[in-house]
N, C-alpha and C. Protein backbone atom coordinates (compact mmCIF):
# COMPACT_ATOMS: atom_id res chain seq x y z
N UNK A 1 -24.89 -2.15 -10.86
CA UNK A 1 -24.18 -0.93 -10.52
C UNK A 1 -25.06 0.25 -10.90
N UNK A 2 -25.25 1.16 -10.00
CA UNK A 2 -26.06 2.34 -10.29
C UNK A 2 -25.25 3.28 -11.17
N UNK A 3 -25.97 4.17 -11.88
CA UNK A 3 -25.26 5.10 -12.75
C UNK A 3 -24.44 6.07 -11.93
N UNK A 4 -24.93 6.44 -10.71
CA UNK A 4 -24.17 7.34 -9.85
C UNK A 4 -22.83 6.71 -9.49
N UNK A 5 -22.86 5.44 -9.13
CA UNK A 5 -21.63 4.72 -8.80
C UNK A 5 -20.72 4.64 -10.02
N UNK A 6 -21.33 4.44 -11.18
CA UNK A 6 -20.56 4.37 -12.42
C UNK A 6 -19.86 5.68 -12.71
N UNK A 7 -20.55 6.80 -12.49
CA UNK A 7 -19.93 8.11 -12.70
C UNK A 7 -18.75 8.30 -11.76
N UNK A 8 -18.94 7.93 -10.50
CA UNK A 8 -17.87 8.10 -9.51
C UNK A 8 -16.63 7.31 -9.92
N UNK A 9 -16.83 6.07 -10.35
CA UNK A 9 -15.70 5.24 -10.78
C UNK A 9 -14.99 5.84 -11.99
N UNK A 10 -15.77 6.32 -12.95
CA UNK A 10 -15.17 6.94 -14.14
C UNK A 10 -14.37 8.17 -13.77
N UNK A 11 -14.94 9.01 -12.90
CA UNK A 11 -14.24 10.23 -12.48
C UNK A 11 -12.95 9.88 -11.76
N UNK A 12 -12.99 8.93 -10.84
CA UNK A 12 -11.77 8.53 -10.12
C UNK A 12 -10.70 8.03 -11.07
N UNK A 13 -11.09 7.23 -12.06
CA UNK A 13 -10.11 6.71 -13.01
C UNK A 13 -9.49 7.84 -13.83
N UNK A 14 -10.29 8.84 -14.20
CA UNK A 14 -9.77 10.01 -14.93
C UNK A 14 -8.80 10.78 -14.06
N UNK A 15 -9.19 11.00 -12.79
CA UNK A 15 -8.35 11.76 -11.86
C UNK A 15 -7.03 11.04 -11.57
N UNK A 16 -7.05 9.72 -11.58
CA UNK A 16 -5.83 8.96 -11.28
C UNK A 16 -4.78 9.12 -12.37
N UNK A 17 -5.20 9.54 -13.55
CA UNK A 17 -4.27 9.65 -14.68
C UNK A 17 -3.55 10.99 -14.76
N UNK A 18 -4.06 12.03 -14.08
CA UNK A 18 -3.49 13.37 -14.18
C UNK A 18 -3.40 14.01 -12.80
N UNK A 19 -2.45 14.93 -12.61
CA UNK A 19 -2.32 15.59 -11.31
C UNK A 19 -3.57 16.37 -10.92
N UNK A 20 -4.18 17.07 -11.88
CA UNK A 20 -5.42 17.82 -11.63
C UNK A 20 -6.06 18.10 -12.98
N UNK A 21 -7.40 18.17 -12.99
CA UNK A 21 -8.11 18.49 -14.23
C UNK A 21 -9.24 19.46 -13.92
N UNK A 22 -9.65 20.19 -14.94
CA UNK A 22 -10.75 21.13 -14.73
C UNK A 22 -12.06 20.36 -14.61
N UNK A 23 -12.96 20.94 -13.87
CA UNK A 23 -14.27 20.32 -13.70
C UNK A 23 -14.99 20.27 -15.04
N UNK A 24 -14.81 21.30 -15.85
CA UNK A 24 -15.47 21.33 -17.16
C UNK A 24 -15.00 20.19 -18.05
N UNK A 25 -13.74 19.79 -17.93
CA UNK A 25 -13.25 18.69 -18.77
C UNK A 25 -13.87 17.35 -18.37
N UNK A 26 -14.35 17.25 -17.13
CA UNK A 26 -15.04 16.03 -16.70
C UNK A 26 -16.44 15.98 -17.31
N UNK A 27 -17.06 17.14 -17.37
CA UNK A 27 -18.43 17.23 -17.89
C UNK A 27 -18.39 17.34 -19.42
N UNK A 28 -18.01 16.27 -20.07
CA UNK A 28 -17.84 16.30 -21.52
C UNK A 28 -19.15 16.11 -22.28
N UNK A 29 -20.16 15.57 -21.63
CA UNK A 29 -21.43 15.32 -22.31
C UNK A 29 -22.40 16.46 -22.03
N UNK A 30 -23.23 16.76 -23.02
CA UNK A 30 -24.13 17.91 -22.92
C UNK A 30 -25.50 17.57 -22.34
N UNK A 31 -25.83 16.31 -22.23
CA UNK A 31 -27.12 15.89 -21.71
C UNK A 31 -27.28 16.39 -20.27
N UNK A 32 -28.38 17.08 -19.99
CA UNK A 32 -28.54 17.69 -18.66
C UNK A 32 -28.61 16.65 -17.55
N UNK A 33 -29.22 15.49 -17.82
CA UNK A 33 -29.27 14.43 -16.81
C UNK A 33 -27.87 13.91 -16.52
N UNK A 34 -27.09 13.73 -17.59
CA UNK A 34 -25.71 13.25 -17.42
C UNK A 34 -24.89 14.29 -16.66
N UNK A 35 -25.05 15.54 -17.02
CA UNK A 35 -24.31 16.61 -16.37
C UNK A 35 -24.65 16.66 -14.88
N UNK A 36 -25.95 16.51 -14.55
CA UNK A 36 -26.34 16.50 -13.15
C UNK A 36 -25.72 15.29 -12.43
N UNK A 37 -25.76 14.12 -13.06
CA UNK A 37 -25.20 12.91 -12.47
C UNK A 37 -23.71 13.05 -12.21
N UNK A 38 -23.01 13.63 -13.16
CA UNK A 38 -21.57 13.85 -13.00
C UNK A 38 -21.30 14.83 -11.86
N UNK A 39 -22.08 15.92 -11.82
CA UNK A 39 -21.90 16.92 -10.76
C UNK A 39 -22.14 16.30 -9.39
N UNK A 40 -23.18 15.51 -9.29
CA UNK A 40 -23.53 14.87 -8.03
C UNK A 40 -22.44 13.87 -7.61
N UNK A 41 -21.96 13.07 -8.56
CA UNK A 41 -20.91 12.09 -8.26
C UNK A 41 -19.64 12.81 -7.81
N UNK A 42 -19.30 13.90 -8.48
CA UNK A 42 -18.11 14.66 -8.11
C UNK A 42 -18.25 15.23 -6.69
N UNK A 43 -19.45 15.77 -6.38
CA UNK A 43 -19.70 16.30 -5.03
C UNK A 43 -19.55 15.19 -3.99
N UNK A 44 -20.08 14.00 -4.27
CA UNK A 44 -19.96 12.87 -3.34
C UNK A 44 -18.51 12.44 -3.15
N UNK A 45 -17.72 12.46 -4.23
CA UNK A 45 -16.30 12.11 -4.13
C UNK A 45 -15.56 13.10 -3.23
N UNK A 46 -15.86 14.38 -3.39
CA UNK A 46 -15.21 15.40 -2.55
C UNK A 46 -15.65 15.24 -1.10
N UNK A 47 -16.94 15.06 -0.87
CA UNK A 47 -17.44 14.89 0.50
C UNK A 47 -16.90 13.62 1.15
N UNK A 48 -16.65 12.58 0.35
CA UNK A 48 -16.12 11.33 0.87
C UNK A 48 -14.61 11.34 1.08
N UNK A 49 -13.95 12.43 0.66
CA UNK A 49 -12.51 12.53 0.84
C UNK A 49 -11.70 11.86 -0.26
N UNK A 50 -12.35 11.49 -1.37
CA UNK A 50 -11.66 10.83 -2.47
C UNK A 50 -11.06 11.84 -3.46
N UNK A 51 -11.58 13.07 -3.44
CA UNK A 51 -11.09 14.11 -4.33
C UNK A 51 -11.18 15.44 -3.60
N UNK A 52 -10.45 16.43 -4.09
CA UNK A 52 -10.52 17.76 -3.50
C UNK A 52 -10.59 18.79 -4.62
N UNK A 53 -11.29 19.88 -4.33
CA UNK A 53 -11.48 20.96 -5.29
C UNK A 53 -10.47 22.07 -5.04
N UNK A 54 -10.01 22.68 -6.13
CA UNK A 54 -9.11 23.83 -6.05
C UNK A 54 -9.62 24.87 -7.04
N UNK A 55 -9.55 26.14 -6.65
CA UNK A 55 -9.98 27.22 -7.53
C UNK A 55 -8.77 28.08 -7.87
N UNK A 56 -8.49 28.21 -9.16
CA UNK A 56 -7.33 29.00 -9.59
C UNK A 56 -7.70 30.47 -9.77
N UNK A 57 -8.97 30.81 -9.56
CA UNK A 57 -9.42 32.16 -9.82
C UNK A 57 -10.10 32.24 -11.18
N UNK A 58 -9.65 31.43 -12.10
CA UNK A 58 -10.25 31.39 -13.44
C UNK A 58 -11.10 30.14 -13.63
N UNK A 59 -10.61 29.02 -13.12
CA UNK A 59 -11.32 27.75 -13.28
C UNK A 59 -11.23 26.94 -12.00
N UNK A 60 -12.19 26.03 -11.87
CA UNK A 60 -12.15 25.10 -10.76
C UNK A 60 -11.50 23.80 -11.23
N UNK A 61 -10.62 23.30 -10.40
CA UNK A 61 -9.92 22.05 -10.68
C UNK A 61 -10.29 21.02 -9.63
N UNK A 62 -10.15 19.78 -10.00
CA UNK A 62 -10.37 18.69 -9.06
C UNK A 62 -9.13 17.81 -9.09
N UNK A 63 -8.77 17.30 -7.91
CA UNK A 63 -7.55 16.51 -7.76
C UNK A 63 -7.88 15.30 -6.89
N UNK A 64 -7.29 14.17 -7.21
CA UNK A 64 -7.50 12.95 -6.43
C UNK A 64 -6.68 13.01 -5.14
N UNK A 65 -7.22 12.42 -4.07
CA UNK A 65 -6.51 12.36 -2.78
C UNK A 65 -5.88 10.97 -2.62
N UNK A 66 -5.13 10.79 -1.53
CA UNK A 66 -4.57 9.46 -1.25
C UNK A 66 -5.68 8.44 -1.07
N UNK A 67 -6.73 8.83 -0.39
CA UNK A 67 -7.88 7.94 -0.20
C UNK A 67 -8.48 7.58 -1.56
N UNK A 68 -8.54 8.54 -2.47
CA UNK A 68 -9.04 8.28 -3.81
C UNK A 68 -8.15 7.34 -4.59
N UNK A 69 -6.83 7.48 -4.43
CA UNK A 69 -5.90 6.57 -5.11
C UNK A 69 -6.07 5.15 -4.61
N UNK A 70 -6.27 5.01 -3.30
CA UNK A 70 -6.52 3.67 -2.75
C UNK A 70 -7.80 3.08 -3.33
N UNK A 71 -8.81 3.90 -3.49
CA UNK A 71 -10.08 3.44 -4.05
C UNK A 71 -9.88 3.01 -5.51
N UNK A 72 -9.11 3.76 -6.28
CA UNK A 72 -8.84 3.39 -7.67
C UNK A 72 -8.11 2.05 -7.73
N UNK A 73 -7.14 1.87 -6.85
CA UNK A 73 -6.42 0.59 -6.82
C UNK A 73 -7.36 -0.56 -6.49
N UNK A 74 -8.29 -0.32 -5.59
CA UNK A 74 -9.28 -1.34 -5.26
C UNK A 74 -10.18 -1.63 -6.46
N UNK A 75 -10.57 -0.58 -7.18
CA UNK A 75 -11.39 -0.76 -8.38
C UNK A 75 -10.66 -1.56 -9.45
N UNK A 76 -9.35 -1.32 -9.56
CA UNK A 76 -8.56 -2.07 -10.54
C UNK A 76 -8.57 -3.56 -10.23
N UNK A 77 -8.56 -3.90 -8.95
CA UNK A 77 -8.60 -5.30 -8.57
C UNK A 77 -9.97 -5.92 -8.79
N UNK A 78 -11.03 -5.09 -8.77
CA UNK A 78 -12.38 -5.58 -9.02
C UNK A 78 -12.67 -5.78 -10.50
N UNK A 79 -11.92 -5.10 -11.34
CA UNK A 79 -12.17 -5.11 -12.78
C UNK A 79 -11.69 -6.42 -13.39
N UNK A 80 -12.63 -7.20 -13.93
CA UNK A 80 -12.31 -8.54 -14.46
C UNK A 80 -11.21 -8.51 -15.52
N UNK A 81 -11.31 -7.54 -16.46
CA UNK A 81 -10.32 -7.55 -17.55
C UNK A 81 -8.94 -7.08 -17.11
N UNK A 82 -8.83 -6.47 -15.92
CA UNK A 82 -7.55 -5.98 -15.45
C UNK A 82 -6.83 -6.98 -14.56
N UNK A 83 -7.49 -8.08 -14.25
CA UNK A 83 -6.87 -9.04 -13.35
C UNK A 83 -5.65 -9.69 -13.99
N UNK A 84 -4.67 -9.97 -13.16
CA UNK A 84 -3.48 -10.66 -13.62
C UNK A 84 -3.82 -12.12 -13.89
N UNK A 85 -3.04 -12.76 -14.72
CA UNK A 85 -3.31 -14.17 -14.98
C UNK A 85 -3.24 -14.98 -13.69
N UNK A 86 -4.15 -15.93 -13.56
CA UNK A 86 -4.17 -16.73 -12.35
C UNK A 86 -3.42 -18.05 -12.52
N UNK A 87 -2.48 -18.06 -13.44
CA UNK A 87 -1.60 -19.22 -13.58
C UNK A 87 -0.24 -18.80 -13.03
N UNK A 88 0.36 -19.70 -12.31
CA UNK A 88 1.61 -19.38 -11.64
C UNK A 88 2.77 -19.40 -12.64
N UNK A 89 3.58 -18.36 -12.60
CA UNK A 89 4.75 -18.26 -13.47
C UNK A 89 6.03 -18.73 -12.78
N UNK A 90 5.90 -19.33 -11.59
CA UNK A 90 7.06 -19.84 -10.86
C UNK A 90 7.72 -18.83 -9.94
N UNK A 91 7.20 -17.60 -9.92
CA UNK A 91 7.77 -16.56 -9.07
C UNK A 91 6.84 -16.25 -7.90
N UNK A 92 7.42 -16.07 -6.73
CA UNK A 92 6.66 -15.67 -5.56
C UNK A 92 6.74 -14.16 -5.41
N UNK A 93 5.62 -13.54 -5.09
CA UNK A 93 5.60 -12.12 -4.76
C UNK A 93 5.46 -12.04 -3.25
N UNK A 94 6.42 -11.44 -2.62
CA UNK A 94 6.43 -11.32 -1.16
C UNK A 94 6.38 -9.84 -0.83
N UNK A 95 5.38 -9.44 -0.03
CA UNK A 95 5.23 -8.06 0.39
C UNK A 95 5.36 -8.02 1.90
N UNK A 96 6.22 -7.13 2.36
CA UNK A 96 6.43 -6.95 3.80
C UNK A 96 6.00 -5.54 4.16
N UNK A 97 5.07 -5.44 5.11
CA UNK A 97 4.54 -4.14 5.53
C UNK A 97 5.02 -3.85 6.95
N UNK A 98 5.51 -2.64 7.15
CA UNK A 98 5.92 -2.21 8.49
C UNK A 98 5.57 -0.74 8.66
N UNK A 99 4.29 -0.47 8.96
CA UNK A 99 3.83 0.91 9.16
C UNK A 99 3.53 1.14 10.63
N UNK A 100 3.95 2.29 11.14
CA UNK A 100 3.72 2.66 12.53
C UNK A 100 2.23 2.81 12.82
N UNK A 101 1.91 2.84 14.10
CA UNK A 101 0.51 2.98 14.54
C UNK A 101 -0.12 4.27 14.03
N UNK A 102 0.68 5.34 13.86
CA UNK A 102 0.14 6.60 13.35
C UNK A 102 -0.40 6.45 11.92
N UNK A 103 0.07 5.43 11.22
CA UNK A 103 -0.36 5.20 9.83
C UNK A 103 -1.26 3.97 9.73
N UNK A 104 -2.02 3.76 10.78
CA UNK A 104 -2.88 2.58 10.86
C UNK A 104 -3.87 2.50 9.69
N UNK A 105 -4.46 3.64 9.30
CA UNK A 105 -5.42 3.64 8.20
C UNK A 105 -4.77 3.17 6.89
N UNK A 106 -3.56 3.64 6.64
CA UNK A 106 -2.85 3.21 5.42
C UNK A 106 -2.52 1.72 5.50
N UNK A 107 -2.11 1.28 6.68
CA UNK A 107 -1.80 -0.14 6.88
C UNK A 107 -3.02 -1.01 6.61
N UNK A 108 -4.17 -0.59 7.14
CA UNK A 108 -5.40 -1.35 6.93
C UNK A 108 -5.81 -1.33 5.46
N UNK A 109 -5.63 -0.19 4.79
CA UNK A 109 -5.96 -0.10 3.37
C UNK A 109 -5.05 -1.03 2.56
N UNK A 110 -3.77 -1.09 2.91
CA UNK A 110 -2.84 -1.99 2.22
C UNK A 110 -3.23 -3.44 2.44
N UNK A 111 -3.58 -3.80 3.66
CA UNK A 111 -4.00 -5.18 3.95
C UNK A 111 -5.24 -5.54 3.13
N UNK A 112 -6.17 -4.61 3.05
CA UNK A 112 -7.39 -4.83 2.28
C UNK A 112 -7.04 -5.09 0.81
N UNK A 113 -6.17 -4.26 0.25
CA UNK A 113 -5.78 -4.44 -1.16
C UNK A 113 -5.02 -5.74 -1.37
N UNK A 114 -4.17 -6.10 -0.43
CA UNK A 114 -3.44 -7.37 -0.54
C UNK A 114 -4.42 -8.54 -0.55
N UNK A 115 -5.42 -8.51 0.32
CA UNK A 115 -6.41 -9.58 0.34
C UNK A 115 -7.18 -9.64 -0.97
N UNK A 116 -7.56 -8.48 -1.51
CA UNK A 116 -8.29 -8.44 -2.78
C UNK A 116 -7.44 -8.97 -3.93
N UNK A 117 -6.12 -8.83 -3.82
CA UNK A 117 -5.21 -9.31 -4.86
C UNK A 117 -4.81 -10.77 -4.61
N UNK A 118 -5.51 -11.43 -3.70
CA UNK A 118 -5.28 -12.85 -3.38
C UNK A 118 -3.93 -13.12 -2.73
N UNK A 119 -3.39 -12.12 -2.02
CA UNK A 119 -2.20 -12.37 -1.21
C UNK A 119 -2.66 -13.06 0.07
N UNK A 120 -1.78 -13.86 0.64
CA UNK A 120 -2.07 -14.57 1.88
C UNK A 120 -1.05 -14.10 2.92
N UNK A 121 -1.55 -13.82 4.12
CA UNK A 121 -0.67 -13.40 5.21
C UNK A 121 -0.04 -14.65 5.83
N UNK A 122 1.29 -14.75 5.77
CA UNK A 122 1.97 -15.93 6.34
C UNK A 122 2.61 -15.61 7.69
N UNK A 123 2.93 -14.38 7.93
CA UNK A 123 3.41 -13.89 9.22
C UNK A 123 2.74 -12.54 9.41
N UNK A 124 2.79 -11.98 10.59
CA UNK A 124 2.05 -10.74 10.86
C UNK A 124 2.20 -9.68 9.78
N UNK A 125 3.38 -9.49 9.25
CA UNK A 125 3.62 -8.42 8.28
C UNK A 125 4.05 -8.93 6.92
N UNK A 126 4.05 -10.24 6.72
CA UNK A 126 4.53 -10.83 5.47
C UNK A 126 3.38 -11.44 4.69
N UNK A 127 3.24 -11.01 3.44
CA UNK A 127 2.18 -11.47 2.56
C UNK A 127 2.79 -12.11 1.32
N UNK A 128 2.16 -13.17 0.81
CA UNK A 128 2.69 -13.85 -0.38
C UNK A 128 1.60 -14.04 -1.43
N UNK A 129 2.06 -14.13 -2.68
CA UNK A 129 1.16 -14.45 -3.77
C UNK A 129 1.96 -14.98 -4.95
N UNK A 130 1.40 -15.93 -5.68
CA UNK A 130 2.06 -16.37 -6.91
C UNK A 130 1.65 -15.52 -8.12
N UNK A 131 0.75 -14.55 -7.92
CA UNK A 131 0.21 -13.79 -9.04
C UNK A 131 0.94 -12.45 -9.23
N UNK A 132 1.10 -12.02 -10.47
CA UNK A 132 1.93 -10.85 -10.79
C UNK A 132 1.28 -9.49 -10.52
N UNK A 133 1.09 -9.18 -9.24
CA UNK A 133 0.55 -7.87 -8.85
C UNK A 133 1.62 -6.93 -8.32
N UNK A 134 2.88 -7.28 -8.49
CA UNK A 134 3.93 -6.45 -7.89
C UNK A 134 3.95 -5.03 -8.44
N UNK A 135 3.55 -4.84 -9.71
CA UNK A 135 3.55 -3.50 -10.30
C UNK A 135 2.49 -2.61 -9.63
N UNK A 136 1.34 -3.18 -9.34
CA UNK A 136 0.30 -2.44 -8.64
C UNK A 136 0.81 -1.97 -7.28
N UNK A 137 1.45 -2.87 -6.54
CA UNK A 137 1.92 -2.49 -5.21
C UNK A 137 3.14 -1.58 -5.26
N UNK A 138 3.91 -1.66 -6.33
CA UNK A 138 5.00 -0.70 -6.52
C UNK A 138 4.42 0.70 -6.70
N UNK A 139 3.34 0.82 -7.47
CA UNK A 139 2.68 2.12 -7.66
C UNK A 139 2.05 2.62 -6.37
N UNK A 140 1.44 1.73 -5.62
CA UNK A 140 0.85 2.12 -4.33
C UNK A 140 1.94 2.62 -3.40
N UNK A 141 3.06 1.93 -3.38
CA UNK A 141 4.21 2.33 -2.55
C UNK A 141 4.64 3.74 -2.91
N UNK A 142 4.74 4.02 -4.19
CA UNK A 142 5.14 5.35 -4.66
C UNK A 142 4.08 6.38 -4.29
N UNK A 143 2.80 6.05 -4.50
CA UNK A 143 1.72 6.99 -4.18
C UNK A 143 1.68 7.37 -2.71
N UNK A 144 1.99 6.42 -1.84
CA UNK A 144 1.95 6.67 -0.40
C UNK A 144 3.28 7.23 0.13
N UNK A 145 4.27 7.35 -0.74
CA UNK A 145 5.57 7.90 -0.31
C UNK A 145 6.30 6.98 0.64
N UNK A 146 6.17 5.67 0.43
CA UNK A 146 6.81 4.70 1.31
C UNK A 146 8.19 4.32 0.77
N UNK A 147 9.07 3.94 1.67
CA UNK A 147 10.39 3.42 1.27
C UNK A 147 10.47 1.99 1.80
N UNK A 148 11.17 1.79 2.90
CA UNK A 148 11.32 0.44 3.43
C UNK A 148 10.13 -0.01 4.28
N UNK A 149 9.10 0.86 4.44
CA UNK A 149 7.91 0.47 5.18
C UNK A 149 7.10 -0.57 4.40
N UNK A 150 7.31 -0.59 3.08
CA UNK A 150 6.65 -1.57 2.22
C UNK A 150 7.73 -2.12 1.29
N UNK A 151 8.06 -3.38 1.49
CA UNK A 151 9.07 -4.03 0.66
C UNK A 151 8.39 -5.05 -0.24
N UNK A 152 8.82 -5.07 -1.49
CA UNK A 152 8.26 -5.99 -2.48
C UNK A 152 9.40 -6.85 -3.02
N UNK A 153 9.24 -8.14 -2.88
CA UNK A 153 10.27 -9.08 -3.33
C UNK A 153 9.63 -10.05 -4.32
N UNK A 154 10.27 -10.22 -5.46
CA UNK A 154 9.82 -11.21 -6.45
C UNK A 154 10.97 -12.19 -6.61
N UNK A 155 10.70 -13.47 -6.35
CA UNK A 155 11.77 -14.46 -6.36
C UNK A 155 11.27 -15.85 -6.71
N UNK A 156 12.19 -16.64 -7.20
CA UNK A 156 11.91 -18.07 -7.36
C UNK A 156 12.88 -18.87 -6.50
N UNK A 157 13.68 -18.18 -5.70
CA UNK A 157 14.70 -18.81 -4.86
C UNK A 157 14.24 -18.90 -3.41
N UNK A 158 13.65 -20.03 -3.07
CA UNK A 158 13.23 -20.28 -1.69
C UNK A 158 13.77 -21.63 -1.26
N UNK A 159 14.05 -21.75 0.02
CA UNK A 159 14.46 -23.06 0.51
C UNK A 159 13.24 -23.98 0.46
N UNK A 160 13.43 -25.28 0.40
CA UNK A 160 12.30 -26.21 0.23
C UNK A 160 11.22 -26.10 1.31
N UNK A 161 11.61 -25.88 2.56
CA UNK A 161 10.63 -25.78 3.64
C UNK A 161 9.76 -24.53 3.48
N UNK A 162 10.38 -23.41 3.12
CA UNK A 162 9.62 -22.18 2.92
C UNK A 162 8.69 -22.32 1.72
N UNK A 163 9.18 -22.89 0.65
CA UNK A 163 8.36 -23.11 -0.54
C UNK A 163 7.14 -23.97 -0.20
N UNK A 164 7.36 -25.03 0.57
CA UNK A 164 6.27 -25.91 0.97
C UNK A 164 5.27 -25.15 1.85
N UNK A 165 5.77 -24.35 2.78
CA UNK A 165 4.90 -23.55 3.66
C UNK A 165 4.07 -22.56 2.84
N UNK A 166 4.68 -21.92 1.85
CA UNK A 166 3.96 -20.97 1.00
C UNK A 166 2.87 -21.69 0.22
N UNK A 167 3.19 -22.85 -0.34
CA UNK A 167 2.19 -23.60 -1.11
C UNK A 167 1.02 -24.02 -0.22
N UNK A 168 1.32 -24.44 1.00
CA UNK A 168 0.27 -24.81 1.94
C UNK A 168 -0.58 -23.60 2.32
N UNK A 169 0.06 -22.45 2.54
CA UNK A 169 -0.67 -21.24 2.90
C UNK A 169 -1.61 -20.82 1.77
N UNK A 170 -1.21 -21.00 0.53
CA UNK A 170 -2.05 -20.64 -0.62
C UNK A 170 -3.26 -21.56 -0.75
N UNK A 171 -3.14 -22.79 -0.27
CA UNK A 171 -4.25 -23.74 -0.37
C UNK A 171 -5.33 -23.44 0.67
N UNK A 172 -4.93 -22.91 1.81
CA UNK A 172 -5.91 -22.71 2.89
C UNK A 172 -6.66 -21.43 2.77
């Protein structure tokens, strides 16, 4: 991982925790090389649409965008220590997505995150997983302002045929 990429990831994680922060609070280190790296990473995040700058007249603030939140969620799935246990607790996580064509980018981003979280698509809009990622997708649902367009079901109550189909889908 390059240091520039590392700075971008750190900045995104900081931005995900607060509604907006001052640019000066991001630049906490005094080393000129570090300061330049942070400035460059922040500029790249803004140009990439992951963050946006706001000027209050007194200070410049930076705020994460929806695209940036999706990137943070993807980073969380990449982080080894943040992964959910890969042992089944007996509960199925079922996610149903129903987003209109106008929201195709969000739909594709959700599918990407579901795949990274080891969900398997069993029907066009139905995804399953035995792993406890429902909290992550609950937060994503809230971040995107979704209601019934994204449904999350956690259950251990399935008919035998469906349970068998889910187990087979997880193997393939």
